Protein backbone atom coordinates (compact mmCIF):
# COMPACT_ATOMS: atom_id res chain seq x y z
CA MET A 1 38.26 38.64 20.56
CA ARG A 2 37.76 40.23 17.14
CA LEU A 3 34.37 41.03 15.57
CA LEU A 4 33.32 42.08 12.08
CA LEU A 5 30.09 44.10 12.13
CA SER A 6 28.26 45.09 8.95
CA CYS A 7 25.23 47.39 8.73
CA GLY A 8 24.26 49.83 6.02
CA GLU A 9 21.38 51.89 7.38
CA PRO A 10 20.81 54.33 10.29
CA SER A 11 18.51 51.95 12.20
CA GLY A 12 21.02 49.13 11.84
CA ASP A 13 23.77 51.41 13.13
CA LEU A 14 21.67 52.17 16.21
CA TYR A 15 21.12 48.47 16.96
CA ALA A 16 24.75 47.64 16.19
CA GLY A 17 25.99 50.36 18.54
CA GLU A 18 23.88 48.96 21.37
CA LEU A 19 25.11 45.46 20.60
CA VAL A 20 28.76 46.55 20.80
CA ARG A 21 28.07 48.31 24.09
CA GLU A 22 26.64 45.10 25.55
CA LEU A 23 29.49 43.01 24.13
CA ARG A 24 32.11 45.28 25.70
CA LEU A 25 30.48 44.83 29.10
CA ARG A 26 31.29 41.14 28.71
CA GLU A 27 34.52 41.38 26.65
CA PRO A 28 36.22 44.72 27.44
CA ASP A 29 39.11 44.07 25.04
CA LEU A 30 36.84 43.32 22.09
CA GLU A 31 38.12 44.62 18.74
CA VAL A 32 35.35 45.69 16.33
CA PHE A 33 35.66 46.75 12.71
CA GLY A 34 33.29 46.98 9.77
CA LEU A 35 30.50 49.06 8.28
CA GLY A 36 28.34 51.35 10.38
CA GLY A 37 27.73 54.87 11.55
CA ASP A 38 28.06 57.24 14.46
CA HIS A 39 26.52 54.87 17.02
CA MET A 40 28.99 52.11 16.21
CA ALA A 41 31.89 54.57 16.15
CA SER A 42 30.87 55.95 19.56
CA GLN A 43 31.36 52.43 20.96
CA GLY A 44 34.91 52.22 19.61
CA ALA A 45 34.28 50.40 16.34
CA GLU A 46 36.63 51.11 13.44
CA LEU A 47 34.52 52.05 10.40
CA LEU A 48 35.59 50.94 6.93
CA ALA A 49 32.65 52.91 5.46
CA HIS A 50 29.85 55.04 6.90
CA VAL A 51 26.13 54.31 6.61
CA LYS A 52 25.52 57.75 5.12
CA ASP A 53 27.32 56.50 2.02
CA LEU A 54 25.65 53.08 2.04
CA ALA A 55 21.94 53.60 2.72
CA VAL A 56 20.05 53.35 -0.58
CA VAL A 57 16.27 53.05 -0.97
CA GLY A 58 14.67 51.21 -3.90
CA LEU A 59 15.65 48.58 -6.45
CA LEU A 60 16.63 51.04 -9.18
CA GLU A 61 18.51 53.31 -6.81
CA VAL A 62 20.69 50.36 -5.72
CA VAL A 63 21.73 49.77 -9.33
CA ALA A 64 23.06 53.31 -9.59
CA HIS A 65 25.32 52.72 -6.58
CA LEU A 66 26.63 49.27 -7.49
CA ARG A 67 30.17 50.36 -8.32
CA SER A 68 30.75 52.17 -5.02
CA LEU A 69 29.11 49.34 -3.07
CA ARG A 70 31.39 46.84 -4.82
CA ARG A 71 34.45 48.79 -3.68
CA VAL A 72 33.20 48.71 -0.09
CA PHE A 73 32.46 44.98 -0.39
CA ASP A 74 35.97 44.25 -1.62
CA ARG A 75 37.51 46.33 1.15
CA VAL A 76 35.57 44.43 3.81
CA LEU A 77 36.76 41.09 2.44
CA SER A 78 40.33 42.34 2.31
CA GLU A 79 40.16 43.30 5.98
CA VAL A 80 38.54 39.98 6.86
CA GLU A 81 41.44 38.09 5.30
CA ARG A 82 43.96 40.32 7.05
CA ARG A 83 42.36 40.33 10.52
CA ARG A 84 40.50 36.97 10.68
CA PRO A 85 37.54 37.88 12.92
CA ASP A 86 36.24 35.29 15.39
CA VAL A 87 32.68 36.02 14.35
CA ALA A 88 30.80 38.32 11.96
CA VAL A 89 27.52 40.02 12.84
CA LEU A 90 25.51 41.16 9.84
CA VAL A 91 22.71 43.61 10.63
CA ASP A 92 19.77 43.77 8.18
CA TYR A 93 20.91 45.33 4.80
CA PRO A 94 20.29 42.00 3.03
CA ASP A 95 21.27 42.70 -0.59
CA PHE A 96 24.80 43.45 0.63
CA ASN A 97 25.01 41.28 3.74
CA LEU A 98 23.72 38.02 2.29
CA ARG A 99 26.39 38.21 -0.41
CA LEU A 100 28.91 38.97 2.31
CA ALA A 101 27.70 35.95 4.30
CA ARG A 102 28.51 33.65 1.39
CA GLN A 103 32.03 35.02 1.13
CA LEU A 104 32.54 34.77 4.89
CA ARG A 105 31.42 31.14 4.88
CA GLN A 106 33.98 30.37 2.18
CA ARG A 107 36.64 31.92 4.42
CA GLY A 108 35.60 29.94 7.47
CA VAL A 109 34.15 32.91 9.42
CA ARG A 110 31.08 32.14 11.52
CA VAL A 111 28.09 34.41 10.87
CA VAL A 112 25.38 35.72 13.16
CA TYR A 113 22.62 37.62 11.35
CA TYR A 114 20.89 40.25 13.49
CA VAL A 115 17.60 41.74 12.23
CA SER A 116 16.29 39.32 9.66
CA PRO A 117 15.89 40.03 5.96
CA GLN A 118 12.16 40.36 5.32
CA VAL A 119 11.81 36.89 3.82
CA TRP A 120 8.29 36.74 5.26
CA ALA A 121 7.35 39.57 2.87
CA TRP A 122 9.27 38.76 -0.29
CA ARG A 123 12.09 36.65 -1.74
CA ARG A 124 11.42 33.66 0.49
CA GLY A 125 13.90 31.77 -1.65
CA ARG A 126 16.62 33.50 0.36
CA LEU A 127 15.94 31.03 3.16
CA ASP A 128 18.00 28.41 1.34
CA SER A 129 20.99 30.75 1.12
CA ILE A 130 20.58 31.72 4.78
CA ARG A 131 20.50 28.07 5.84
CA LYS A 132 23.80 27.47 4.06
CA THR A 133 25.66 30.59 5.22
CA VAL A 134 24.28 31.81 8.57
CA ASP A 135 25.22 30.06 11.82
CA HIS A 136 22.56 31.80 13.92
CA MET A 137 19.69 34.16 13.09
CA LEU A 138 18.63 36.72 15.70
CA VAL A 139 15.12 38.02 15.00
CA ILE A 140 13.43 41.07 16.49
CA PHE A 141 9.82 40.39 15.48
CA PRO A 142 7.91 37.50 17.08
CA PHE A 143 6.38 36.10 13.88
CA GLU A 144 9.83 35.53 12.33
CA GLU A 145 11.00 32.80 14.71
CA ALA A 146 8.72 30.00 13.46
CA LEU A 147 9.63 30.76 9.86
CA TYR A 148 13.31 30.08 10.50
CA ARG A 149 12.68 27.04 12.67
CA GLU A 150 10.64 25.50 9.86
CA ALA A 151 13.51 26.25 7.46
CA ASP A 152 15.99 24.54 9.82
CA VAL A 153 17.94 27.73 10.54
CA PRO A 154 19.17 28.16 14.16
CA VAL A 155 17.17 31.12 15.44
CA THR A 156 16.49 33.14 18.59
CA PHE A 157 13.80 35.78 19.09
CA VAL A 158 15.64 38.36 21.19
CA GLY A 159 12.97 41.07 21.11
CA HIS A 160 13.20 44.52 19.64
CA PRO A 161 16.14 46.71 20.74
CA LEU A 162 13.96 49.81 20.58
CA VAL A 163 12.04 48.56 23.62
CA ASP A 164 15.06 49.66 25.67
CA LEU A 165 15.84 52.77 23.66
CA VAL A 166 12.46 54.47 23.34
CA ARG A 167 11.72 56.87 26.16
CA ALA A 168 8.84 59.30 26.64
CA PRO A 169 9.58 62.64 28.33
CA ALA A 170 8.62 62.70 32.00
CA ASP A 171 6.53 65.84 31.46
CA PRO A 172 5.05 66.03 27.92
CA ALA A 173 3.74 69.56 28.46
CA ALA A 174 7.16 70.81 29.56
CA PHE A 175 8.73 69.05 26.58
CA LEU A 176 6.39 70.77 24.14
CA GLU A 177 7.17 74.13 25.68
CA SER A 178 10.90 73.40 25.39
CA VAL A 179 10.60 73.02 21.61
CA GLY A 180 8.43 76.10 21.20
CA LEU A 181 4.99 74.46 21.13
CA ASP A 182 1.86 75.22 23.15
CA PRO A 183 0.80 72.13 25.20
CA LYS A 184 -2.80 73.42 25.25
CA ARG A 185 -3.14 73.18 21.45
CA PRO A 186 -3.35 70.00 19.33
CA VAL A 187 -0.07 68.75 17.89
CA VAL A 188 0.27 66.92 14.56
CA ALA A 189 3.81 65.51 14.45
CA LEU A 190 5.35 65.03 11.00
CA LEU A 191 7.96 62.33 10.35
CA PRO A 192 8.66 62.26 6.60
CA GLY A 193 11.59 59.82 6.75
CA SER A 194 15.31 59.71 7.47
CA ARG A 195 16.83 59.71 3.97
CA PRO A 196 16.86 62.43 1.29
CA LYS A 197 15.09 60.16 -1.23
CA GLU A 198 12.28 59.52 1.25
CA ILE A 199 11.90 63.24 1.84
CA GLY A 200 11.58 63.84 -1.89
CA HIS A 201 8.73 61.35 -2.15
CA ASN A 202 6.91 61.89 1.17
CA LEU A 203 7.28 65.54 2.06
CA PRO A 204 5.30 67.22 -0.79
CA PRO A 205 2.00 65.39 -0.10
CA MET A 206 2.60 65.82 3.62
CA MET A 207 3.00 69.58 3.17
CA GLY A 208 -0.12 69.64 1.01
CA ALA A 209 -2.03 68.06 3.89
CA VAL A 210 -0.58 70.62 6.32
CA GLU A 211 -1.74 73.45 4.04
CA ARG A 212 -5.31 72.13 4.08
CA LEU A 213 -5.44 71.35 7.78
CA ALA A 214 -3.88 74.66 8.82
CA ALA A 215 -6.41 76.59 6.75
CA GLU A 216 -9.28 74.73 8.43
CA ARG A 217 -7.88 74.73 11.96
CA PRO A 218 -5.49 77.54 12.87
CA ASP A 219 -5.06 76.04 16.37
CA LEU A 220 -3.15 73.03 15.02
CA GLN A 221 0.65 72.85 15.49
CA PHE A 222 2.89 71.00 13.05
CA PRO A 223 6.36 70.05 14.35
CA LEU A 224 8.53 68.20 11.82
CA ALA A 225 11.08 65.76 13.23
CA LEU A 226 14.37 66.34 11.42
CA ALA A 227 16.43 63.14 11.07
CA PRO A 228 20.24 63.49 11.51
CA ALA A 229 21.05 62.61 7.89
CA LEU A 230 18.79 65.30 6.43
CA ASP A 231 19.86 68.74 5.22
CA PRO A 232 17.98 71.33 7.34
CA ALA A 233 18.13 73.89 4.53
CA ALA A 234 16.57 71.48 2.03
CA VAL A 235 13.77 70.62 4.43
CA ALA A 236 13.16 74.29 5.25
CA ASN A 237 12.97 75.04 1.53
CA ALA A 238 10.37 72.30 1.05
CA VAL A 239 8.33 73.59 4.00
CA GLY A 240 8.36 77.16 2.67
CA SER A 241 5.93 79.49 4.42
CA LEU A 242 3.73 76.78 5.91
CA PRO A 243 3.27 76.82 9.72
CA VAL A 244 5.71 73.98 10.36
CA ARG A 245 8.31 74.01 13.13
CA VAL A 246 11.39 71.93 12.27
CA VAL A 247 12.69 70.16 15.39
CA ALA A 248 16.00 68.28 15.33
CA ASN A 249 16.91 65.25 17.47
CA GLN A 250 13.62 65.08 19.36
CA THR A 251 11.68 62.43 17.48
CA GLN A 252 10.66 60.36 20.49
CA GLY A 253 9.59 63.40 22.50
CA LEU A 254 7.39 64.58 19.64
CA LEU A 255 5.81 61.14 19.19
CA ALA A 256 5.15 60.78 22.91
CA SER A 257 3.61 64.26 23.22
CA CYS A 258 1.63 64.67 20.00
CA THR A 259 -2.11 64.33 19.44
CA VAL A 260 -1.63 62.60 16.09
CA ALA A 261 1.46 61.71 14.02
CA VAL A 262 1.99 61.30 10.28
CA VAL A 263 4.87 58.83 9.99
CA ALA A 264 6.81 57.48 7.01
CA SER A 265 6.84 53.68 7.05
CA GLY A 266 9.99 52.35 8.70
CA THR A 267 11.68 52.27 12.08
CA ALA A 268 9.87 55.44 13.21
CA THR A 269 6.56 53.57 13.08
CA VAL A 270 7.94 51.09 15.63
CA GLU A 271 9.00 54.01 17.84
CA ALA A 272 5.52 55.49 17.49
CA ALA A 273 3.92 52.16 18.41
CA LEU A 274 6.10 51.79 21.50
CA LEU A 275 5.16 55.32 22.58
CA GLY A 276 1.45 54.79 21.87
CA ALA A 277 1.22 57.62 19.35
CA PRO A 278 -1.96 57.58 17.23
CA MET A 279 -0.61 57.68 13.68
CA VAL A 280 -1.19 57.68 9.98
CA VAL A 281 1.52 55.69 8.15
CA ILE A 282 2.55 56.97 4.73
CA TYR A 283 5.08 55.94 2.09
CA ARG A 284 5.90 56.45 -1.55
CA LEU A 285 8.65 55.06 -3.78
CA ALA A 286 9.67 55.89 -7.32
CA PRO A 287 6.83 54.53 -9.52
CA LEU A 288 8.91 51.91 -11.34
CA THR A 289 10.59 50.76 -8.12
CA TYR A 290 7.17 50.33 -6.51
CA LEU A 291 5.78 48.48 -9.53
CA LEU A 292 8.69 46.03 -9.56
CA GLY A 293 8.62 45.55 -5.79
CA ARG A 294 4.85 45.17 -5.51
CA ARG A 295 4.91 42.15 -7.81
CA LEU A 296 7.25 40.43 -5.36
CA VAL A 297 5.93 41.54 -1.96
CA LYS A 298 3.45 39.13 -0.37
CA VAL A 299 2.07 40.89 2.70
CA SER A 300 -1.38 42.12 3.64
CA HIS A 301 -0.03 45.22 5.41
CA PHE A 302 2.88 47.62 4.98
CA ALA A 303 3.02 49.28 8.41
CA MET A 304 5.06 47.26 10.90
CA ALA A 305 2.50 47.83 13.66
CA ASN A 306 -0.14 46.17 11.48
CA LEU A 307 2.15 43.28 10.54
CA ILE A 308 2.94 42.58 14.19
CA ALA A 309 -0.71 42.88 15.24
CA GLY A 310 -1.92 40.76 12.32
CA GLU A 311 -4.62 43.33 11.62
CA ARG A 312 -4.98 46.97 10.59
CA VAL A 313 -4.37 48.94 13.78
CA VAL A 314 -3.20 52.12 12.02
CA PRO A 315 -4.23 53.53 8.60
CA GLU A 316 -1.80 53.12 5.70
CA VAL A 317 -1.60 55.67 2.88
CA ILE A 318 0.76 54.19 0.32
CA GLN A 319 1.96 55.17 -3.17
CA ARG A 320 -0.89 56.46 -5.38
CA GLU A 321 -3.13 56.88 -2.35
CA LEU A 322 -0.60 59.29 -0.85
CA THR A 323 -2.28 62.58 -1.69
CA PRO A 324 -2.67 65.73 0.42
CA GLU A 325 -6.43 65.19 0.53
CA ARG A 326 -6.17 61.62 1.79
CA VAL A 327 -3.58 62.41 4.46
CA ALA A 328 -5.60 65.40 5.66
CA ALA A 329 -8.73 63.23 5.85
CA GLU A 330 -7.00 60.55 7.92
CA VAL A 331 -5.54 63.12 10.33
CA ARG A 332 -8.87 64.89 10.59
CA ALA A 333 -10.63 61.63 11.44
CA LEU A 334 -8.25 60.99 14.33
CA LEU A 335 -8.38 64.55 15.62
CA ASP A 336 -12.19 64.53 15.64
CA ASP A 337 -12.63 61.16 17.36
CA PRO A 338 -10.94 60.75 20.77
CA GLY A 339 -12.46 57.26 21.04
CA ARG A 340 -10.73 56.20 17.83
CA ARG A 341 -7.43 57.50 19.15
CA GLN A 342 -7.93 55.53 22.36
CA ARG A 343 -8.75 52.32 20.48
CA MET A 344 -5.62 52.80 18.41
CA ARG A 345 -3.52 53.24 21.55
CA ALA A 346 -4.95 49.98 22.90
CA GLY A 347 -3.95 48.22 19.68
CA LEU A 348 -0.47 49.72 19.84
CA ALA A 349 -0.11 48.58 23.47
CA GLU A 350 -0.60 45.00 22.25
CA VAL A 351 2.01 45.57 19.53
CA LYS A 352 4.42 46.79 22.22
CA ARG A 353 3.77 43.66 24.28
CA ARG A 354 4.55 41.44 21.30
CA LEU A 355 7.87 43.19 20.68
CA GLY A 356 9.31 41.47 23.74
CA LYS A 357 10.74 42.37 27.10
CA PRO A 358 13.63 44.81 27.66
CA GLY A 359 17.13 43.43 27.15
CA ALA A 360 17.15 42.57 23.43
CA SER A 361 20.68 43.86 22.87
CA ALA A 362 21.98 41.95 25.90
CA ARG A 363 20.35 38.72 24.71
CA ALA A 364 21.81 39.26 21.23
CA ALA A 365 25.27 39.85 22.72
CA GLU A 366 25.16 36.56 24.63
CA THR A 367 24.41 34.63 21.45
CA VAL A 368 27.14 36.42 19.50
CA LEU A 369 29.67 35.54 22.20
CA ASP A 370 28.52 31.92 22.26
CA VAL A 371 29.12 31.63 18.51
CA ALA A 372 32.49 33.38 18.80
CA ARG A 373 33.59 31.03 21.58
CA GLN A 374 32.52 28.02 19.53
CA SER A 375 34.64 29.38 16.69
CA LYS A 376 37.67 29.81 18.95
CA LYS A 377 37.19 26.34 20.45
CA ALA A 378 37.03 24.79 16.97
CA LEU A 379 40.27 26.51 15.98
CA ASP A 380 42.01 25.42 19.19
CA THR A 381 41.09 21.79 18.60
């Protein structure tokens, strides 16, 4: 059996890697090729391009990368025609993958889409294109399933793959000591994002908040979770002389062990919710990108925890509101009110429940194999 897999971002690579692992348990001789990153490669997938060269944030930023993305697109189609996969799995990354789905449909390749485009937030008109090009949609958020059923798109809510992947350390105090922190002192974990562009927008106001909080409360500790794609030297330069400890490859441990977290909107907020970390969600885009996007986005919340809960469980500090003073005030409010932190944990526990039971990647793999077998059966007949 031969599979094309296409993802263009680090979170998609993580989910795709887990999917391939589950598929190989069922089809050991599976051949996988496509777009991804280290997680996919670790499961034996042949990469035509790496996510580090594909992940782009913002409408205007995408325009600047169109030529290189077009070359990747053409290479994928060339390999599709040469290898004829039994099924294609497209993971998130909709501006690229929905165009790819149309081309795959023209070539007779069945398509499973894993991790839905955010049609519930903006560009709902994409549902028509999805109906015409996608054989099965696998969604990871519970509120997405009804949307696709109403649009007559075959859909399965498989749950969120992070439910299986997020793990708290057995001994939070020992973990903090292992990364050079004092478990007896409050910890404010900093997660500014996973891409260089995000760091450029989110880190300066975050560091401004650290400067204010550290001056007020010398007992506070500020570990910064360094994402794999980030340049440690660039982050260290942005931190300067502030009392921030940069910690690599320990994001979940920091979230599970902190008193409060300041988290850039994205996959890390889902990790924080699953680990019950009281948090302040922040995000900033380039001003023109935000202005263009805000006209199109139709949601009452930005933070995924709030979207899943259907109410504001965690504070959101977005765009113009993202100032050092505002972030410091939100962190201070959580530090000073244990009852507020506990109420937030209760809300996050409900978010975790709604994200589904363990086994999302296994359920996704079963559907992918069903579609692939249908494709093979159709060819045989």
